[in-house]
Amino acid sequence: PYYAQRLSWRDCGVPGFQCATLRAP
């Protein structure tokens, strides 16, 4: 499940950058 995840990108609040959350054990 960890290797199958895909990132959901969102606005970072910093122009030009996107942020996401990665899950790990």
PDB file of all heavy atoms in Angstrom:
ATOM      1  N   PRO A   1       0.812  -1.226   0.000  1.00  0.00           N
ATOM      2  CA  PRO A   1       0.000   0.000   0.000  1.00  0.00           C
ATOM      3  C   PRO A   1       0.838   1.267   0.000  1.00  0.00           C
ATOM      4  O   PRO A   1       0.436   2.279  -0.585  1.00  0.00           O
ATOM      5  CB  PRO A   1      -0.811  -0.129   1.301  1.00  0.00           C
ATOM      6  CG  PRO A   1      -0.840  -1.586   1.593  1.00  0.00           C
ATOM      7  CD  PRO A   1       0.481  -2.110   1.130  1.00  0.00           C
ATOM      8  N   TYR A   2       1.984   1.205   0.645  1.00  0.00           N
ATOM      9  CA  TYR A   2       2.861   2.378   0.655  1.00  0.00           C
ATOM     10  C   TYR A   2       3.447   2.635  -0.732  1.00  0.00           C
ATOM     11  O   TYR A   2       3.545   3.777  -1.176  1.00  0.00           O
ATOM     12  CB  TYR A   2       3.978   2.189   1.679  1.00  0.00           C
ATOM     13  CG  TYR A   2       3.506   2.209   3.115  1.00  0.00           C
ATOM     14  CD1 TYR A   2       3.472   1.038   3.868  1.00  0.00           C
ATOM     15  CD2 TYR A   2       3.089   3.390   3.705  1.00  0.00           C
ATOM     16  CE1 TYR A   2       3.043   1.050   5.193  1.00  0.00           C
ATOM     17  CE2 TYR A   2       2.650   3.416   5.023  1.00  0.00           C
ATOM     18  CZ  TYR A   2       2.631   2.243   5.758  1.00  0.00           C
ATOM     19  OH  TYR A   2       2.198   2.273   7.061  1.00  0.00           O
ATOM     20  N   TYR A   3       3.836   1.554  -1.402  1.00  0.00           N
ATOM     21  CA  TYR A   3       4.403   1.719  -2.745  1.00  0.00           C
ATOM     22  C   TYR A   3       3.342   2.049  -3.789  1.00  0.00           C
ATOM     23  O   TYR A   3       3.656   2.586  -4.851  1.00  0.00           O
ATOM     24  CB  TYR A   3       5.180   0.459  -3.145  1.00  0.00           C
ATOM     25  CG  TYR A   3       6.626   0.496  -2.694  1.00  0.00           C
ATOM     26  CD1 TYR A   3       7.022  -0.128  -1.523  1.00  0.00           C
ATOM     27  CD2 TYR A   3       7.585   1.184  -3.439  1.00  0.00           C
ATOM     28  CE1 TYR A   3       8.347  -0.078  -1.100  1.00  0.00           C
ATOM     29  CE2 TYR A   3       8.904   1.241  -3.030  1.00  0.00           C
ATOM     30  CZ  TYR A   3       9.286   0.609  -1.866  1.00  0.00           C
ATOM     31  OH  TYR A   3      10.592   0.678  -1.454  1.00  0.00           O
ATOM     32  N   ALA A   4       2.098   1.747  -3.486  1.00  0.00           N
ATOM     33  CA  ALA A   4       1.025   2.005  -4.461  1.00  0.00           C
ATOM     34  C   ALA A   4       0.442   3.406  -4.332  1.00  0.00           C
ATOM     35  O   ALA A   4      -0.341   3.829  -5.188  1.00  0.00           O
ATOM     36  CB  ALA A   4      -0.081   0.973  -4.286  1.00  0.00           C
ATOM     37  N   GLN A   5       0.821   4.152  -3.296  1.00  0.00           N
ATOM     38  CA  GLN A   5       0.190   5.455  -3.077  1.00  0.00           C
ATOM     39  C   GLN A   5       0.592   6.453  -4.158  1.00  0.00           C
ATOM     40  O   GLN A   5       1.675   6.383  -4.748  1.00  0.00           O
ATOM     41  CB  GLN A   5       0.549   6.001  -1.690  1.00  0.00           C
ATOM     42  CG  GLN A   5       2.012   6.376  -1.500  1.00  0.00           C
ATOM     43  CD  GLN A   5       2.343   6.807  -0.076  1.00  0.00           C
ATOM     44  OE1 GLN A   5       1.783   7.785   0.428  1.00  0.00           O
ATOM     45  NE2 GLN A   5       3.238   6.061   0.564  1.00  0.00           N
ATOM     46  N   ARG A   6      -0.285   7.392  -4.403  1.00  0.00           N
ATOM     47  CA  ARG A   6      -0.006   8.507  -5.301  1.00  0.00           C
ATOM     48  C   ARG A   6      -0.230   9.791  -4.516  1.00  0.00           C
ATOM     49  O   ARG A   6      -1.126   9.883  -3.671  1.00  0.00           O
ATOM     50  CB  ARG A   6      -0.902   8.467  -6.539  1.00  0.00           C
ATOM     51  CG  ARG A   6      -0.513   7.369  -7.520  1.00  0.00           C
ATOM     52  CD  ARG A   6       0.858   7.611  -8.128  1.00  0.00           C
ATOM     53  NE  ARG A   6       1.279   6.557  -9.036  1.00  0.00           N
ATOM     54  CZ  ARG A   6       2.061   5.539  -8.701  1.00  0.00           C
ATOM     55  NH1 ARG A   6       2.480   5.430  -7.424  1.00  0.00           N
ATOM     56  NH2 ARG A   6       2.409   4.639  -9.592  1.00  0.00           N
ATOM     57  N   LEU A   7       0.560  10.773  -4.803  1.00  0.00           N
ATOM     58  CA  LEU A   7       0.527  12.010  -4.024  1.00  0.00           C
ATOM     59  C   LEU A   7      -0.609  12.916  -4.479  1.00  0.00           C
ATOM     60  O   LEU A   7      -0.879  13.041  -5.686  1.00  0.00           O
ATOM     61  CB  LEU A   7       1.860  12.744  -4.151  1.00  0.00           C
ATOM     62  CG  LEU A   7       3.082  11.960  -3.661  1.00  0.00           C
ATOM     63  CD1 LEU A   7       4.361  12.741  -3.944  1.00  0.00           C
ATOM     64  CD2 LEU A   7       2.968  11.664  -2.169  1.00  0.00           C
ATOM     65  N   SER A   8      -1.249  13.538  -3.526  1.00  0.00           N
ATOM     66  CA  SER A   8      -2.301  14.515  -3.809  1.00  0.00           C
ATOM     67  C   SER A   8      -1.708  15.910  -3.585  1.00  0.00           C
ATOM     68  O   SER A   8      -1.521  16.334  -2.441  1.00  0.00           O
ATOM     69  CB  SER A   8      -3.503  14.279  -2.887  1.00  0.00           C
ATOM     70  OG  SER A   8      -4.500  15.247  -3.119  1.00  0.00           O
ATOM     71  N   TRP A   9      -1.419  16.604  -4.663  1.00  0.00           N
ATOM     72  CA  TRP A   9      -0.729  17.889  -4.563  1.00  0.00           C
ATOM     73  C   TRP A   9      -1.709  19.017  -4.257  1.00  0.00           C
ATOM     74  O   TRP A   9      -2.845  19.009  -4.717  1.00  0.00           O
ATOM     75  CB  TRP A   9       0.021  18.194  -5.859  1.00  0.00           C
ATOM     76  CG  TRP A   9       1.130  17.230  -6.129  1.00  0.00           C
ATOM     77  CD1 TRP A   9       1.106  16.169  -6.986  1.00  0.00           C
ATOM     78  CD2 TRP A   9       2.418  17.219  -5.506  1.00  0.00           C
ATOM     79  NE1 TRP A   9       2.298  15.498  -6.953  1.00  0.00           N
ATOM     80  CE2 TRP A   9       3.132  16.121  -6.057  1.00  0.00           C
ATOM     81  CE3 TRP A   9       3.038  18.025  -4.550  1.00  0.00           C
ATOM     82  CZ2 TRP A   9       4.431  15.819  -5.677  1.00  0.00           C
ATOM     83  CZ3 TRP A   9       4.333  17.720  -4.170  1.00  0.00           C
ATOM     84  CH2 TRP A   9       5.019  16.629  -4.721  1.00  0.00           C
ATOM     85  N   ARG A  10      -1.248  19.965  -3.475  1.00  0.00           N
ATOM     86  CA  ARG A  10      -2.056  21.123  -3.097  1.00  0.00           C
ATOM     87  C   ARG A  10      -1.172  22.366  -3.087  1.00  0.00           C
ATOM     88  O   ARG A  10       0.057  22.269  -3.135  1.00  0.00           O
ATOM     89  CB  ARG A  10      -2.663  20.905  -1.707  1.00  0.00           C
ATOM     90  CG  ARG A  10      -1.618  20.713  -0.619  1.00  0.00           C
ATOM     91  CD  ARG A  10      -2.239  20.362   0.731  1.00  0.00           C
ATOM     92  NE  ARG A  10      -1.218  20.254   1.776  1.00  0.00           N
ATOM     93  CZ  ARG A  10      -0.503  19.168   2.027  1.00  0.00           C
ATOM     94  NH1 ARG A  10      -0.695  18.064   1.286  1.00  0.00           N
ATOM     95  NH2 ARG A  10       0.393  19.153   2.987  1.00  0.00           N
ATOM     96  N   ASP A  11      -1.804  23.498  -3.001  1.00  0.00           N
ATOM     97  CA  ASP A  11      -1.067  24.761  -2.945  1.00  0.00           C
ATOM     98  C   ASP A  11      -0.309  24.847  -1.610  1.00  0.00           C
ATOM     99  O   ASP A  11      -0.876  24.595  -0.548  1.00  0.00           O
ATOM    100  CB  ASP A  11      -2.057  25.920  -3.073  1.00  0.00           C
ATOM    101  CG  ASP A  11      -1.363  27.273  -3.087  1.00  0.00           C
ATOM    102  OD1 ASP A  11      -0.129  27.313  -3.194  1.00  0.00           O
ATOM    103  OD2 ASP A  11      -2.075  28.290  -2.978  1.00  0.00           O
ATOM    104  N   CYS A  12       0.953  25.206  -1.671  1.00  0.00           N
ATOM    105  CA  CYS A  12       1.783  25.334  -0.466  1.00  0.00           C
ATOM    106  C   CYS A  12       1.568  26.647   0.270  1.00  0.00           C
ATOM    107  O   CYS A  12       2.001  26.800   1.411  1.00  0.00           O
ATOM    108  CB  CYS A  12       3.271  25.279  -0.843  1.00  0.00           C
ATOM    109  SG  CYS A  12       3.937  23.638  -1.055  1.00  0.00           S
ATOM    110  N   GLY A  13       0.991  27.620  -0.423  1.00  0.00           N
ATOM    111  CA  GLY A  13       0.968  28.966   0.144  1.00  0.00           C
ATOM    112  C   GLY A  13       2.209  29.742  -0.207  1.00  0.00           C
ATOM    113  O   GLY A  13       2.372  30.893   0.203  1.00  0.00           O
ATOM    114  N   VAL A  14       3.097  29.121  -0.972  1.00  0.00           N
ATOM    115  CA  VAL A  14       4.313  29.768  -1.461  1.00  0.00           C
ATOM    116  C   VAL A  14       4.243  29.729  -2.978  1.00  0.00           C
ATOM    117  O   VAL A  14       4.208  28.650  -3.567  1.00  0.00           O
ATOM    118  CB  VAL A  14       5.583  29.043  -0.966  1.00  0.00           C
ATOM    119  CG1 VAL A  14       6.830  29.722  -1.512  1.00  0.00           C
ATOM    120  CG2 VAL A  14       5.617  28.996   0.558  1.00  0.00           C
ATOM    121  N   PRO A  15       4.212  30.881  -3.637  1.00  0.00           N
ATOM    122  CA  PRO A  15       4.046  30.895  -5.091  1.00  0.00           C
ATOM    123  C   PRO A  15       5.090  30.030  -5.801  1.00  0.00           C
ATOM    124  O   PRO A  15       6.280  30.083  -5.490  1.00  0.00           O
ATOM    125  CB  PRO A  15       4.225  32.380  -5.448  1.00  0.00           C
ATOM    126  CG  PRO A  15       3.825  33.108  -4.206  1.00  0.00           C
ATOM    127  CD  PRO A  15       4.287  32.244  -3.070  1.00  0.00           C
ATOM    128  N   GLY A  16       4.607  29.206  -6.727  1.00  0.00           N
ATOM    129  CA  GLY A  16       5.500  28.385  -7.525  1.00  0.00           C
ATOM    130  C   GLY A  16       5.747  26.998  -6.960  1.00  0.00           C
ATOM    131  O   GLY A  16       6.477  26.205  -7.585  1.00  0.00           O
ATOM    132  N   PHE A  17       5.178  26.678  -5.798  1.00  0.00           N
ATOM    133  CA  PHE A  17       5.437  25.384  -5.161  1.00  0.00           C
ATOM    134  C   PHE A  17       4.128  24.682  -4.821  1.00  0.00           C
ATOM    135  O   PHE A  17       3.133  25.327  -4.485  1.00  0.00           O
ATOM    136  CB  PHE A  17       6.272  25.559  -3.898  1.00  0.00           C
ATOM    137  CG  PHE A  17       7.632  26.130  -4.162  1.00  0.00           C
ATOM    138  CD1 PHE A  17       7.844  27.506  -4.083  1.00  0.00           C
ATOM    139  CD2 PHE A  17       8.706  25.316  -4.500  1.00  0.00           C
ATOM    140  CE1 PHE A  17       9.094  28.054  -4.343  1.00  0.00           C
ATOM    141  CE2 PHE A  17       9.959  25.853  -4.755  1.00  0.00           C
ATOM    142  CZ  PHE A  17      10.158  27.220  -4.680  1.00  0.00           C
ATOM    143  N   GLN A  18       4.172  23.358  -4.879  1.00  0.00           N
ATOM    144  CA  GLN A  18       3.065  22.517  -4.458  1.00  0.00           C
ATOM    145  C   GLN A  18       3.527  21.620  -3.308  1.00  0.00           C
ATOM    146  O   GLN A  18       4.711  21.306  -3.198  1.00  0.00           O
ATOM    147  CB  GLN A  18       2.583  21.638  -5.621  1.00  0.00           C
ATOM    148  CG  GLN A  18       2.024  22.405  -6.798  1.00  0.00           C
ATOM    149  CD  GLN A  18       1.692  21.475  -7.946  1.00  0.00           C
ATOM    150  OE1 GLN A  18       2.497  20.628  -8.338  1.00  0.00           O
ATOM    151  NE2 GLN A  18       0.485  21.610  -8.492  1.00  0.00           N
ATOM    152  N   CYS A  19       2.598  21.216  -2.476  1.00  0.00           N
ATOM    153  CA  CYS A  19       2.921  20.371  -1.325  1.00  0.00           C
ATOM    154  C   CYS A  19       2.044  19.126  -1.323  1.00  0.00           C
ATOM    155  O   CYS A  19       0.958  19.097  -1.912  1.00  0.00           O
ATOM    156  CB  CYS A  19       2.725  21.147  -0.018  1.00  0.00           C
ATOM    157  SG  CYS A  19       3.969  22.416   0.270  1.00  0.00           S
ATOM    158  N   ALA A  20       2.531  18.086  -0.651  1.00  0.00           N
ATOM    159  CA  ALA A  20       1.795  16.836  -0.532  1.00  0.00           C
ATOM    160  C   ALA A  20       2.270  16.112   0.724  1.00  0.00           C
ATOM    161  O   ALA A  20       3.224  16.540   1.384  1.00  0.00           O
ATOM    162  CB  ALA A  20       2.013  15.968  -1.769  1.00  0.00           C
ATOM    163  N   THR A  21       1.603  15.014   1.033  1.00  0.00           N
ATOM    164  CA  THR A  21       1.956  14.196   2.192  1.00  0.00           C
ATOM    165  C   THR A  21       2.223  12.777   1.736  1.00  0.00           C
ATOM    166  O   THR A  21       1.415  12.187   1.008  1.00  0.00           O
ATOM    167  CB  THR A  21       0.822  14.209   3.226  1.00  0.00           C
ATOM    168  OG1 THR A  21       0.587  15.553   3.661  1.00  0.00           O
ATOM    169  CG2 THR A  21       1.197  13.361   4.430  1.00  0.00           C
ATOM    170  N   LEU A  22       3.359  12.231   2.151  1.00  0.00           N
ATOM    171  CA  LEU A  22       3.738  10.861   1.847  1.00  0.00           C
ATOM    172  C   LEU A  22       3.562  10.017   3.104  1.00  0.00           C
ATOM    173  O   LEU A  22       3.980  10.418   4.191  1.00  0.00           O
ATOM    174  CB  LEU A  22       5.200  10.805   1.394  1.00  0.00           C
ATOM    175  CG  LEU A  22       5.772   9.418   1.076  1.00  0.00           C
ATOM    176  CD1 LEU A  22       5.259   8.941  -0.278  1.00  0.00           C
ATOM    177  CD2 LEU A  22       7.306   9.452   1.081  1.00  0.00           C
ATOM    178  N   ARG A  23       2.954   8.860   2.979  1.00  0.00           N
ATOM    179  CA  ARG A  23       2.794   7.950   4.110  1.00  0.00           C
ATOM    180  C   ARG A  23       3.900   6.901   4.092  1.00  0.00           C
ATOM    181  O   ARG A  23       4.272   6.381   3.032  1.00  0.00           O
ATOM    182  CB  ARG A  23       1.428   7.273   4.062  1.00  0.00           C
ATOM    183  CG  ARG A  23       0.260   8.218   4.305  1.00  0.00           C
ATOM    184  CD  ARG A  23      -1.074   7.496   4.218  1.00  0.00           C
ATOM    185  NE  ARG A  23      -1.354   7.046   2.863  1.00  0.00           N
ATOM    186  CZ  ARG A  23      -1.282   5.787   2.446  1.00  0.00           C
ATOM    187  NH1 ARG A  23      -0.934   4.822   3.296  1.00  0.00           N
ATOM    188  NH2 ARG A  23      -1.561   5.471   1.199  1.00  0.00           N
ATOM    189  N   ALA A  24       4.425   6.588   5.273  1.00  0.00           N
ATOM    190  CA  ALA A  24       5.477   5.583   5.402  1.00  0.00           C
ATOM    191  C   ALA A  24       5.265   4.813   6.700  1.00  0.00           C
ATOM    192  O   ALA A  24       4.649   5.328   7.643  1.00  0.00           O
ATOM    193  CB  ALA A  24       6.858   6.238   5.404  1.00  0.00           C
ATOM    194  N   PRO A  25       5.755   3.591   6.786  1.00  0.00           N
ATOM    195  CA  PRO A  25       5.679   2.885   8.067  1.00  0.00           C
ATOM    196  C   PRO A  25       6.616   3.519   9.079  1.00  0.00           C
ATOM    197  O   PRO A  25       7.724   3.937   8.728  1.00  0.00           O
ATOM    198  CB  PRO A  25       6.117   1.459   7.725  1.00  0.00           C
ATOM    199  CG  PRO A  25       6.871   1.564   6.452  1.00  0.00           C
ATOM    200  CD  PRO A  25       6.359   2.770   5.729  1.00  0.00           C
TER     201      PRO A  25
END
